[in-house]
């Protein structure tokens, strides 16, 4: 009988610990993942956030979108890499946010 009580208590402790480790939901940005996924750009891009891309990685993302002659990039106060690039003979402003979205204006 004591073994059963000990086993039940141990299961309750394990279940309680698992629930306690579940991170809280972030209601302010539920559809704003930090990791980019294949598919269309975030319509709110470029999104401000802590950008972990290096300048070289940001440049590679811009070039992968068909741009060339990418100028040196600078990270702004919102964590967005910004610069200029050429596509179809036109020079445009480009930006890469922390999600990897490439935006041209």
C-alpha atoms as a PDB file:
ATOM      1  CA  UNK A   1       0.000   0.000   0.000  1.00  0.00           C
ATOM      2  CA  UNK A   2       2.824   2.415   0.872  1.00  0.00           C
ATOM      3  CA  UNK A   3       4.452   1.736  -2.507  1.00  0.00           C
ATOM      4  CA  UNK A   4       1.257   2.717  -4.297  1.00  0.00           C
ATOM      5  CA  UNK A   5       1.038   5.988  -2.364  1.00  0.00           C
ATOM      6  CA  UNK A   6       4.689   6.753  -3.100  1.00  0.00           C
ATOM      7  CA  UNK A   7       4.188   5.950  -6.803  1.00  0.00           C
ATOM      8  CA  UNK A   8       1.117   8.209  -7.046  1.00  0.00           C
ATOM      9  CA  UNK A   9       2.946  11.041  -5.267  1.00  0.00           C
ATOM     10  CA  UNK A  10       5.934  10.682  -7.615  1.00  0.00           C
ATOM     11  CA  UNK A  11       3.662  10.836 -10.671  1.00  0.00           C
ATOM     12  CA  UNK A  12       1.995  13.971  -9.327  1.00  0.00           C
ATOM     13  CA  UNK A  13       5.385  15.646  -8.818  1.00  0.00           C
ATOM     14  CA  UNK A  14       6.544  14.781 -12.327  1.00  0.00           C
ATOM     15  CA  UNK A  15       3.292  16.039 -13.885  1.00  0.00           C
ATOM     16  CA  UNK A  16       3.452  19.249 -11.857  1.00  0.00           C
ATOM     17  CA  UNK A  17       7.028  19.905 -12.930  1.00  0.00           C
ATOM     18  CA  UNK A  18       6.135  19.410 -16.604  1.00  0.00           C
ATOM     19  CA  UNK A  19       3.280  21.910 -16.377  1.00  0.00           C
ATOM     20  CA  UNK A  20       5.483  24.435 -14.587  1.00  0.00           C
ATOM     21  CA  UNK A  21       7.987  24.367 -17.460  1.00  0.00           C
ATOM     22  CA  UNK A  22       5.467  25.303 -20.144  1.00  0.00           C
ATOM     23  CA  UNK A  23       6.354  28.821 -21.327  1.00  0.00           C
ATOM     24  CA  UNK A  24       3.581  31.408 -21.232  1.00  0.00           C
ATOM     25  CA  UNK A  25       1.994  32.472 -24.489  1.00  0.00           C
ATOM     26  CA  UNK A  26       3.006  35.826 -25.904  1.00  0.00           C
ATOM     27  CA  UNK A  27      -0.322  37.523 -26.635  1.00  0.00           C
ATOM     28  CA  UNK A  28       1.334  40.614 -28.092  1.00  0.00           C
ATOM     29  CA  UNK A  29       2.845  38.750 -31.071  1.00  0.00           C
ATOM     30  CA  UNK A  30       1.160  35.371 -31.601  1.00  0.00           C
ATOM     31  CA  UNK A  31       1.630  35.483 -35.388  1.00  0.00           C
ATOM     32  CA  UNK A  32       5.075  37.059 -35.340  1.00  0.00           C
ATOM     33  CA  UNK A  33       7.523  34.129 -35.182  1.00  0.00           C
ATOM     34  CA  UNK A  34      11.207  34.771 -34.735  1.00  0.00           C
ATOM     35  CA  UNK A  35      12.142  32.081 -37.203  1.00  0.00           C
ATOM     36  CA  UNK A  36      11.374  32.696 -40.834  1.00  0.00           C
ATOM     37  CA  UNK A  37       9.487  30.042 -42.738  1.00  0.00           C
ATOM     38  CA  UNK A  38       9.146  29.464 -46.464  1.00  0.00           C
ATOM     39  CA  UNK A  39       6.324  31.475 -47.935  1.00  0.00           C
ATOM     40  CA  UNK A  40       5.274  35.056 -48.460  1.00  0.00           C
ATOM     41  CA  UNK A  41       6.772  37.895 -46.479  1.00  0.00           C
ATOM     42  CA  UNK A  42       5.142  39.083 -43.319  1.00  0.00           C
ATOM     43  CA  UNK A  43       2.730  41.814 -44.477  1.00  0.00           C
ATOM     44  CA  UNK A  44       3.936  43.997 -41.585  1.00  0.00           C
ATOM     45  CA  UNK A  45       7.566  43.640 -42.617  1.00  0.00           C
ATOM     46  CA  UNK A  46      10.057  44.890 -41.905  1.00  0.00           C
ATOM     47  CA  UNK A  47       9.308  43.941 -38.308  1.00  0.00           C
ATOM     48  CA  UNK A  48      11.313  45.490 -35.491  1.00  0.00           C
ATOM     49  CA  UNK A  49      13.107  43.042 -33.235  1.00  0.00           C
ATOM     50  CA  UNK A  50      16.442  41.735 -32.062  1.00  0.00           C
ATOM     51  CA  UNK A  51      18.148  40.776 -35.319  1.00  0.00           C
ATOM     52  CA  UNK A  52      20.705  37.975 -35.097  1.00  0.00           C
ATOM     53  CA  UNK A  53      21.605  38.006 -38.807  1.00  0.00           C
ATOM     54  CA  UNK A  54      25.106  39.138 -39.636  1.00  0.00           C
ATOM     55  CA  UNK A  55      25.572  41.708 -42.378  1.00  0.00           C
ATOM     56  CA  UNK A  56      26.767  38.912 -44.684  1.00  0.00           C
ATOM     57  CA  UNK A  57      23.688  36.801 -43.997  1.00  0.00           C
ATOM     58  CA  UNK A  58      21.377  39.761 -44.592  1.00  0.00           C
ATOM     59  CA  UNK A  59      23.185  40.515 -47.875  1.00  0.00           C
ATOM     60  CA  UNK A  60      22.841  36.865 -48.948  1.00  0.00           C
ATOM     61  CA  UNK A  61      19.074  37.002 -48.286  1.00  0.00           C
ATOM     62  CA  UNK A  62      18.779  40.159 -50.378  1.00  0.00           C
ATOM     63  CA  UNK A  63      20.753  38.585 -53.235  1.00  0.00           C
ATOM     64  CA  UNK A  64      18.612  35.426 -53.025  1.00  0.00           C
ATOM     65  CA  UNK A  65      15.603  37.643 -53.822  1.00  0.00           C
ATOM     66  CA  UNK A  66      17.191  38.662 -57.143  1.00  0.00           C
ATOM     67  CA  UNK A  67      18.982  41.859 -56.120  1.00  0.00           C
ATOM     68  CA  UNK A  68      22.562  42.712 -57.040  1.00  0.00           C
ATOM     69  CA  UNK A  69      25.030  45.494 -56.235  1.00  0.00           C
ATOM     70  CA  UNK A  70      24.011  45.429 -52.584  1.00  0.00           C
ATOM     71  CA  UNK A  71      25.503  48.403 -50.753  1.00  0.00           C
ATOM     72  CA  UNK A  72      27.072  48.039 -47.321  1.00  0.00           C
ATOM     73  CA  UNK A  73      24.238  47.436 -44.869  1.00  0.00           C
ATOM     74  CA  UNK A  74      23.671  49.160 -41.549  1.00  0.00           C
ATOM     75  CA  UNK A  75      21.505  47.912 -38.707  1.00  0.00           C
ATOM     76  CA  UNK A  76      19.083  50.593 -37.462  1.00  0.00           C
ATOM     77  CA  UNK A  77      17.740  51.139 -33.921  1.00  0.00           C
ATOM     78  CA  UNK A  78      14.892  48.666 -34.620  1.00  0.00           C
ATOM     79  CA  UNK A  79      17.298  45.851 -35.538  1.00  0.00           C
ATOM     80  CA  UNK A  80      16.580  46.089 -39.283  1.00  0.00           C
ATOM     81  CA  UNK A  81      19.437  45.824 -41.767  1.00  0.00           C
ATOM     82  CA  UNK A  82      19.068  48.626 -44.360  1.00  0.00           C
ATOM     83  CA  UNK A  83      20.875  49.535 -47.553  1.00  0.00           C
ATOM     84  CA  UNK A  84      20.473  49.894 -51.305  1.00  0.00           C
ATOM     85  CA  UNK A  85      20.448  47.284 -54.048  1.00  0.00           C
ATOM     86  CA  UNK A  86      19.698  46.976 -57.750  1.00  0.00           C
ATOM     87  CA  UNK A  87      17.082  44.830 -59.463  1.00  0.00           C
ATOM     88  CA  UNK A  88      15.859  45.137 -63.044  1.00  0.00           C
ATOM     89  CA  UNK A  89      18.122  48.140 -63.571  1.00  0.00           C
ATOM     90  CA  UNK A  90      16.617  50.143 -60.710  1.00  0.00           C
ATOM     91  CA  UNK A  91      18.280  51.018 -57.418  1.00  0.00           C
ATOM     92  CA  UNK A  92      15.938  50.659 -54.450  1.00  0.00           C
ATOM     93  CA  UNK A  93      16.106  50.806 -50.670  1.00  0.00           C
ATOM     94  CA  UNK A  94      16.149  47.316 -49.150  1.00  0.00           C
ATOM     95  CA  UNK A  95      15.639  46.053 -45.614  1.00  0.00           C
ATOM     96  CA  UNK A  96      15.992  42.697 -43.849  1.00  0.00           C
ATOM     97  CA  UNK A  97      14.194  42.207 -40.543  1.00  0.00           C
ATOM     98  CA  UNK A  98      14.862  39.703 -37.762  1.00  0.00           C
ATOM     99  CA  UNK A  99      12.494  37.202 -39.399  1.00  0.00           C
ATOM    100  CA  UNK A 100      14.497  37.242 -42.626  1.00  0.00           C
ATOM    101  CA  UNK A 101      11.869  39.179 -44.582  1.00  0.00           C
ATOM    102  CA  UNK A 102      13.401  41.159 -47.460  1.00  0.00           C
ATOM    103  CA  UNK A 103      11.513  44.373 -48.247  1.00  0.00           C
ATOM    104  CA  UNK A 104      12.253  46.721 -51.145  1.00  0.00           C
ATOM    105  CA  UNK A 105      10.920  50.256 -51.438  1.00  0.00           C
END
